[in-house]
Amino acid sequence: MKRFTIPTELPVIPEKVFDAWLDSEEHSAMTESCATTSVEIAGIFIAHEGYINGINLE
């Protein structure tokens, strides 16, 4: 798999983005797509109607 980086700046503190990424409601609002998230280690996350899914490792 090739990796790439898209640099961007957000007018918000990093903790706010991190917290939103791990909150189902805020993640869904941010991406305009349904998301189910978890803050637990080994918690399952699903985004973009199942296109993105995985398990939290840390």
PDB file of N, CA and C in Angstrom:
ATOM      1  N   MET A   1       0.840  -1.164   0.000  1.00  0.00           N
ATOM      2  CA  MET A   1       0.000   0.000   0.000  1.00  0.00           C
ATOM      3  C   MET A   1       0.893   1.237   0.000  1.00  0.00           C
ATOM      4  N   LYS A   2       0.592   2.171  -0.879  1.00  0.00           N
ATOM      5  CA  LYS A   2       1.314   3.431  -0.904  1.00  0.00           C
ATOM      6  C   LYS A   2       0.699   4.369   0.123  1.00  0.00           C
ATOM      7  N   ARG A   3       1.545   5.134   0.762  1.00  0.00           N
ATOM      8  CA  ARG A   3       1.090   6.121   1.737  1.00  0.00           C
ATOM      9  C   ARG A   3       1.340   7.503   1.175  1.00  0.00           C
ATOM     10  N   PHE A   4       0.499   8.433   1.575  1.00  0.00           N
ATOM     11  CA  PHE A   4       0.680   9.804   1.141  1.00  0.00           C
ATOM     12  C   PHE A   4       0.243  10.740   2.259  1.00  0.00           C
ATOM     13  N   THR A   5       0.692  11.963   2.164  1.00  0.00           N
ATOM     14  CA  THR A   5       0.362  12.975   3.168  1.00  0.00           C
ATOM     15  C   THR A   5      -0.277  14.161   2.468  1.00  0.00           C
ATOM     16  N   ILE A   6      -1.333  14.660   3.061  1.00  0.00           N
ATOM     17  CA  ILE A   6      -1.979  15.870   2.565  1.00  0.00           C
ATOM     18  C   ILE A   6      -1.873  16.914   3.682  1.00  0.00           C
ATOM     19  N   PRO A   7      -0.973  17.871   3.547  1.00  0.00           N
ATOM     20  CA  PRO A   7      -0.823  18.860   4.608  1.00  0.00           C
ATOM     21  C   PRO A   7      -2.019  19.815   4.641  1.00  0.00           C
ATOM     22  N   THR A   8      -2.437  20.133   5.841  1.00  0.00           N
ATOM     23  CA  THR A   8      -3.527  21.090   6.011  1.00  0.00           C
ATOM     24  C   THR A   8      -3.437  21.692   7.399  1.00  0.00           C
ATOM     25  N   GLU A   9      -4.015  22.844   7.581  1.00  0.00           N
ATOM     26  CA  GLU A   9      -4.066  23.478   8.885  1.00  0.00           C
ATOM     27  C   GLU A   9      -5.520  23.675   9.264  1.00  0.00           C
ATOM     28  N   LEU A  10      -5.835  23.324  10.490  1.00  0.00           N
ATOM     29  CA  LEU A  10      -7.189  23.496  11.008  1.00  0.00           C
ATOM     30  C   LEU A  10      -7.154  24.542  12.116  1.00  0.00           C
ATOM     31  N   PRO A  11      -8.114  25.453  12.139  1.00  0.00           N
ATOM     32  CA  PRO A  11      -8.118  26.493  13.160  1.00  0.00           C
ATOM     33  C   PRO A  11      -8.695  26.003  14.489  1.00  0.00           C
ATOM     34  N   VAL A  12      -8.087  24.958  15.032  1.00  0.00           N
ATOM     35  CA  VAL A  12      -8.580  24.355  16.264  1.00  0.00           C
ATOM     36  C   VAL A  12      -7.415  23.644  16.953  1.00  0.00           C
ATOM     37  N   ILE A  13      -7.498  23.480  18.255  1.00  0.00           N
ATOM     38  CA  ILE A  13      -6.429  22.783  18.963  1.00  0.00           C
ATOM     39  C   ILE A  13      -6.481  21.289  18.625  1.00  0.00           C
ATOM     40  N   PRO A  14      -5.330  20.616  18.588  1.00  0.00           N
ATOM     41  CA  PRO A  14      -5.286  19.200  18.212  1.00  0.00           C
ATOM     42  C   PRO A  14      -6.189  18.307  19.066  1.00  0.00           C
ATOM     43  N   GLU A  15      -6.303  18.603  20.357  1.00  0.00           N
ATOM     44  CA  GLU A  15      -7.145  17.783  21.228  1.00  0.00           C
ATOM     45  C   GLU A  15      -8.600  17.777  20.789  1.00  0.00           C
ATOM     46  N   LYS A  16      -9.079  18.892  20.255  1.00  0.00           N
ATOM     47  CA  LYS A  16     -10.470  18.977  19.788  1.00  0.00           C
ATOM     48  C   LYS A  16     -10.688  18.055  18.589  1.00  0.00           C
ATOM     49  N   VAL A  17      -9.739  18.032  17.672  1.00  0.00           N
ATOM     50  CA  VAL A  17      -9.841  17.149  16.503  1.00  0.00           C
ATOM     51  C   VAL A  17      -9.775  15.696  16.945  1.00  0.00           C
ATOM     52  N   PHE A  18      -8.837  15.371  17.826  1.00  0.00           N
ATOM     53  CA  PHE A  18      -8.688  14.009  18.333  1.00  0.00           C
ATOM     54  C   PHE A  18      -9.973  13.536  19.007  1.00  0.00           C
ATOM     55  N   ASP A  19     -10.526  14.377  19.878  1.00  0.00           N
ATOM     56  CA  ASP A  19     -11.766  14.023  20.578  1.00  0.00           C
ATOM     57  C   ASP A  19     -12.927  13.838  19.604  1.00  0.00           C
ATOM     58  N   ALA A  20     -13.019  14.699  18.600  1.00  0.00           N
ATOM     59  CA  ALA A  20     -14.099  14.591  17.611  1.00  0.00           C
ATOM     60  C   ALA A  20     -13.963  13.320  16.785  1.00  0.00           C
ATOM     61  N   TRP A  21     -12.728  12.939  16.473  1.00  0.00           N
ATOM     62  CA  TRP A  21     -12.482  11.739  15.670  1.00  0.00           C
ATOM     63  C   TRP A  21     -12.966  10.485  16.385  1.00  0.00           C
ATOM     64  N   LEU A  22     -12.914  10.509  17.730  1.00  0.00           N
ATOM     65  CA  LEU A  22     -13.289   9.336  18.522  1.00  0.00           C
ATOM     66  C   LEU A  22     -14.699   9.414  19.092  1.00  0.00           C
ATOM     67  N   ASP A  23     -15.483  10.378  18.670  1.00  0.00           N
ATOM     68  CA  ASP A  23     -16.871  10.537  19.115  1.00  0.00           C
ATOM     69  C   ASP A  23     -17.783  10.298  17.912  1.00  0.00           C
ATOM     70  N   SER A  24     -18.656   9.311  18.002  1.00  0.00           N
ATOM     71  CA  SER A  24     -19.487   8.924  16.852  1.00  0.00           C
ATOM     72  C   SER A  24     -20.276  10.090  16.273  1.00  0.00           C
ATOM     73  N   GLU A  25     -20.925  10.858  17.128  1.00  0.00           N
ATOM     74  CA  GLU A  25     -21.766  11.966  16.653  1.00  0.00           C
ATOM     75  C   GLU A  25     -20.925  13.064  16.003  1.00  0.00           C
ATOM     76  N   GLU A  26     -19.841  13.460  16.657  1.00  0.00           N
ATOM     77  CA  GLU A  26     -18.991  14.519  16.105  1.00  0.00           C
ATOM     78  C   GLU A  26     -18.258  14.057  14.844  1.00  0.00           C
ATOM     79  N   HIS A  27     -17.812  12.810  14.833  1.00  0.00           N
ATOM     80  CA  HIS A  27     -17.144  12.270  13.645  1.00  0.00           C
ATOM     81  C   HIS A  27     -18.114  12.272  12.459  1.00  0.00           C
ATOM     82  N   SER A  28     -19.341  11.846  12.695  1.00  0.00           N
ATOM     83  CA  SER A  28     -20.352  11.830  11.633  1.00  0.00           C
ATOM     84  C   SER A  28     -20.617  13.233  11.109  1.00  0.00           C
ATOM     85  N   ALA A  29     -20.700  14.206  12.006  1.00  0.00           N
ATOM     86  CA  ALA A  29     -20.938  15.591  11.582  1.00  0.00           C
ATOM     87  C   ALA A  29     -19.747  16.134  10.801  1.00  0.00           C
ATOM     88  N   MET A  30     -18.543  15.815  11.246  1.00  0.00           N
ATOM     89  CA  MET A  30     -17.326  16.311  10.612  1.00  0.00           C
ATOM     90  C   MET A  30     -17.174  15.753   9.198  1.00  0.00           C
ATOM     91  N   THR A  31     -17.504  14.492   8.998  1.00  0.00           N
ATOM     92  CA  THR A  31     -17.302  13.848   7.697  1.00  0.00           C
ATOM     93  C   THR A  31     -18.571  13.781   6.857  1.00  0.00           C
ATOM     94  N   GLU A  32     -19.692  14.186   7.457  1.00  0.00           N
ATOM     95  CA  GLU A  32     -21.000  14.119   6.788  1.00  0.00           C
ATOM     96  C   GLU A  32     -21.322  12.701   6.328  1.00  0.00           C
ATOM     97  N   SER A  33     -20.916  11.723   7.139  1.00  0.00           N
ATOM     98  CA  SER A  33     -21.170  10.319   6.862  1.00  0.00           C
ATOM     99  C   SER A  33     -21.279   9.588   8.196  1.00  0.00           C
ATOM    100  N   CYS A  34     -22.159   8.630   8.272  1.00  0.00           N
ATOM    101  CA  CYS A  34     -22.386   7.904   9.517  1.00  0.00           C
ATOM    102  C   CYS A  34     -21.106   7.223   9.992  1.00  0.00           C
ATOM    103  N   ALA A  35     -20.821   7.364  11.297  1.00  0.00           N
ATOM    104  CA  ALA A  35     -19.641   6.730  11.886  1.00  0.00           C
ATOM    105  C   ALA A  35     -19.998   6.156  13.245  1.00  0.00           C
ATOM    106  N   THR A  36     -19.416   5.020  13.551  1.00  0.00           N
ATOM    107  CA  THR A  36     -19.518   4.411  14.875  1.00  0.00           C
ATOM    108  C   THR A  36     -18.089   4.296  15.381  1.00  0.00           C
ATOM    109  N   THR A  37     -17.808   4.941  16.495  1.00  0.00           N
ATOM    110  CA  THR A  37     -16.439   4.974  17.006  1.00  0.00           C
ATOM    111  C   THR A  37     -16.375   4.414  18.418  1.00  0.00           C
ATOM    112  N   SER A  38     -15.153   4.255  18.896  1.00  0.00           N
ATOM    113  CA  SER A  38     -14.927   3.764  20.246  1.00  0.00           C
ATOM    114  C   SER A  38     -13.642   4.377  20.779  1.00  0.00           C
ATOM    115  N   VAL A  39     -13.597   4.630  22.074  1.00  0.00           N
ATOM    116  CA  VAL A  39     -12.370   5.115  22.703  1.00  0.00           C
ATOM    117  C   VAL A  39     -11.640   3.987  23.410  1.00  0.00           C
ATOM    118  N   GLU A  40     -12.199   2.807  23.394  1.00  0.00           N
ATOM    119  CA  GLU A  40     -11.633   1.658  24.094  1.00  0.00           C
ATOM    120  C   GLU A  40     -10.539   0.975  23.270  1.00  0.00           C
ATOM    121  N   ILE A  41      -9.499   0.469  23.938  1.00  0.00           N
ATOM    122  CA  ILE A  41      -8.511  -0.372  23.262  1.00  0.00           C
ATOM    123  C   ILE A  41      -9.241  -1.637  22.824  1.00  0.00           C
ATOM    124  N   ALA A  42      -9.035  -2.057  21.600  1.00  0.00           N
ATOM    125  CA  ALA A  42      -9.721  -3.178  20.951  1.00  0.00           C
ATOM    126  C   ALA A  42     -11.149  -2.826  20.574  1.00  0.00           C
ATOM    127  N   GLY A  43     -11.524  -1.536  20.706  1.00  0.00           N
ATOM    128  CA  GLY A  43     -12.846  -1.085  20.281  1.00  0.00           C
ATOM    129  C   GLY A  43     -12.924  -1.019  18.765  1.00  0.00           C
ATOM    130  N   ILE A  44     -14.061  -1.339  18.235  1.00  0.00           N
ATOM    131  CA  ILE A  44     -14.279  -1.349  16.789  1.00  0.00           C
ATOM    132  C   ILE A  44     -14.762   0.014  16.324  1.00  0.00           C
ATOM    133  N   PHE A  45     -14.276   0.446  15.160  1.00  0.00           N
ATOM    134  CA  PHE A  45     -14.793   1.665  14.542  1.00  0.00           C
ATOM    135  C   PHE A  45     -15.209   1.382  13.110  1.00  0.00           C
ATOM    136  N   ILE A  46     -16.238   2.079  12.669  1.00  0.00           N
ATOM    137  CA  ILE A  46     -16.761   1.949  11.309  1.00  0.00           C
ATOM    138  C   ILE A  46     -17.092   3.352  10.813  1.00  0.00           C
ATOM    139  N   ALA A  47     -16.685   3.671   9.603  1.00  0.00           N
ATOM    140  CA  ALA A  47     -16.977   4.985   9.022  1.00  0.00           C
ATOM    141  C   ALA A  47     -17.297   4.829   7.540  1.00  0.00           C
ATOM    142  N   HIS A  48     -17.925   5.836   7.005  1.00  0.00           N
ATOM    143  CA  HIS A  48     -18.299   5.885   5.584  1.00  0.00           C
ATOM    144  C   HIS A  48     -19.023   4.610   5.151  1.00  0.00           C
ATOM    145  N   GLU A  49     -20.045   4.284   5.924  1.00  0.00           N
ATOM    146  CA  GLU A  49     -20.934   3.155   5.627  1.00  0.00           C
ATOM    147  C   GLU A  49     -20.168   1.841   5.448  1.00  0.00           C
ATOM    148  N   GLY A  50     -19.146   1.637   6.286  1.00  0.00           N
ATOM    149  CA  GLY A  50     -18.391   0.389   6.259  1.00  0.00           C
ATOM    150  C   GLY A  50     -17.173   0.400   5.366  1.00  0.00           C
ATOM    151  N   TYR A  51     -16.979   1.473   4.592  1.00  0.00           N
ATOM    152  CA  TYR A  51     -15.811   1.551   3.717  1.00  0.00           C
ATOM    153  C   TYR A  51     -14.521   1.583   4.526  1.00  0.00           C
ATOM    154  N   ILE A  52     -14.589   2.242   5.701  1.00  0.00           N
ATOM    155  CA  ILE A  52     -13.455   2.300   6.618  1.00  0.00           C
ATOM    156  C   ILE A  52     -13.859   1.572   7.884  1.00  0.00           C
ATOM    157  N   ASN A  53     -13.047   0.625   8.335  1.00  0.00           N
ATOM    158  CA  ASN A  53     -13.335  -0.069   9.576  1.00  0.00           C
ATOM    159  C   ASN A  53     -12.043  -0.607  10.161  1.00  0.00           C
ATOM    160  N   GLY A  54     -12.073  -0.845  11.469  1.00  0.00           N
ATOM    161  CA  GLY A  54     -10.892  -1.363  12.108  1.00  0.00           C
ATOM    162  C   GLY A  54     -11.065  -1.513  13.600  1.00  0.00           C
ATOM    163  N   ILE A  55      -9.958  -1.740  14.272  1.00  0.00           N
ATOM    164  CA  ILE A  55      -9.936  -1.937  15.716  1.00  0.00           C
ATOM    165  C   ILE A  55      -8.868  -1.013  16.296  1.00  0.00           C
ATOM    166  N   ASN A  56      -9.207  -0.332  17.382  1.00  0.00           N
ATOM    167  CA  ASN A  56      -8.243   0.525  18.058  1.00  0.00           C
ATOM    168  C   ASN A  56      -7.146  -0.320  18.688  1.00  0.00           C
ATOM    169  N   LEU A  57      -5.900  -0.025  18.342  1.00  0.00           N
ATOM    170  CA  LEU A  57      -4.774  -0.768  18.895  1.00  0.00           C
ATOM    171  C   LEU A  57      -4.250  -0.128  20.181  1.00  0.00           C
ATOM    172  N   GLU A  58      -4.354   1.169  20.276  1.00  0.00           N
ATOM    173  CA  GLU A  58      -3.865   1.896  21.461  1.00  0.00           C
ATOM    174  C   GLU A  58      -4.866   2.946  21.852  1.00  0.00           C
TER     175      GLU A  58
END
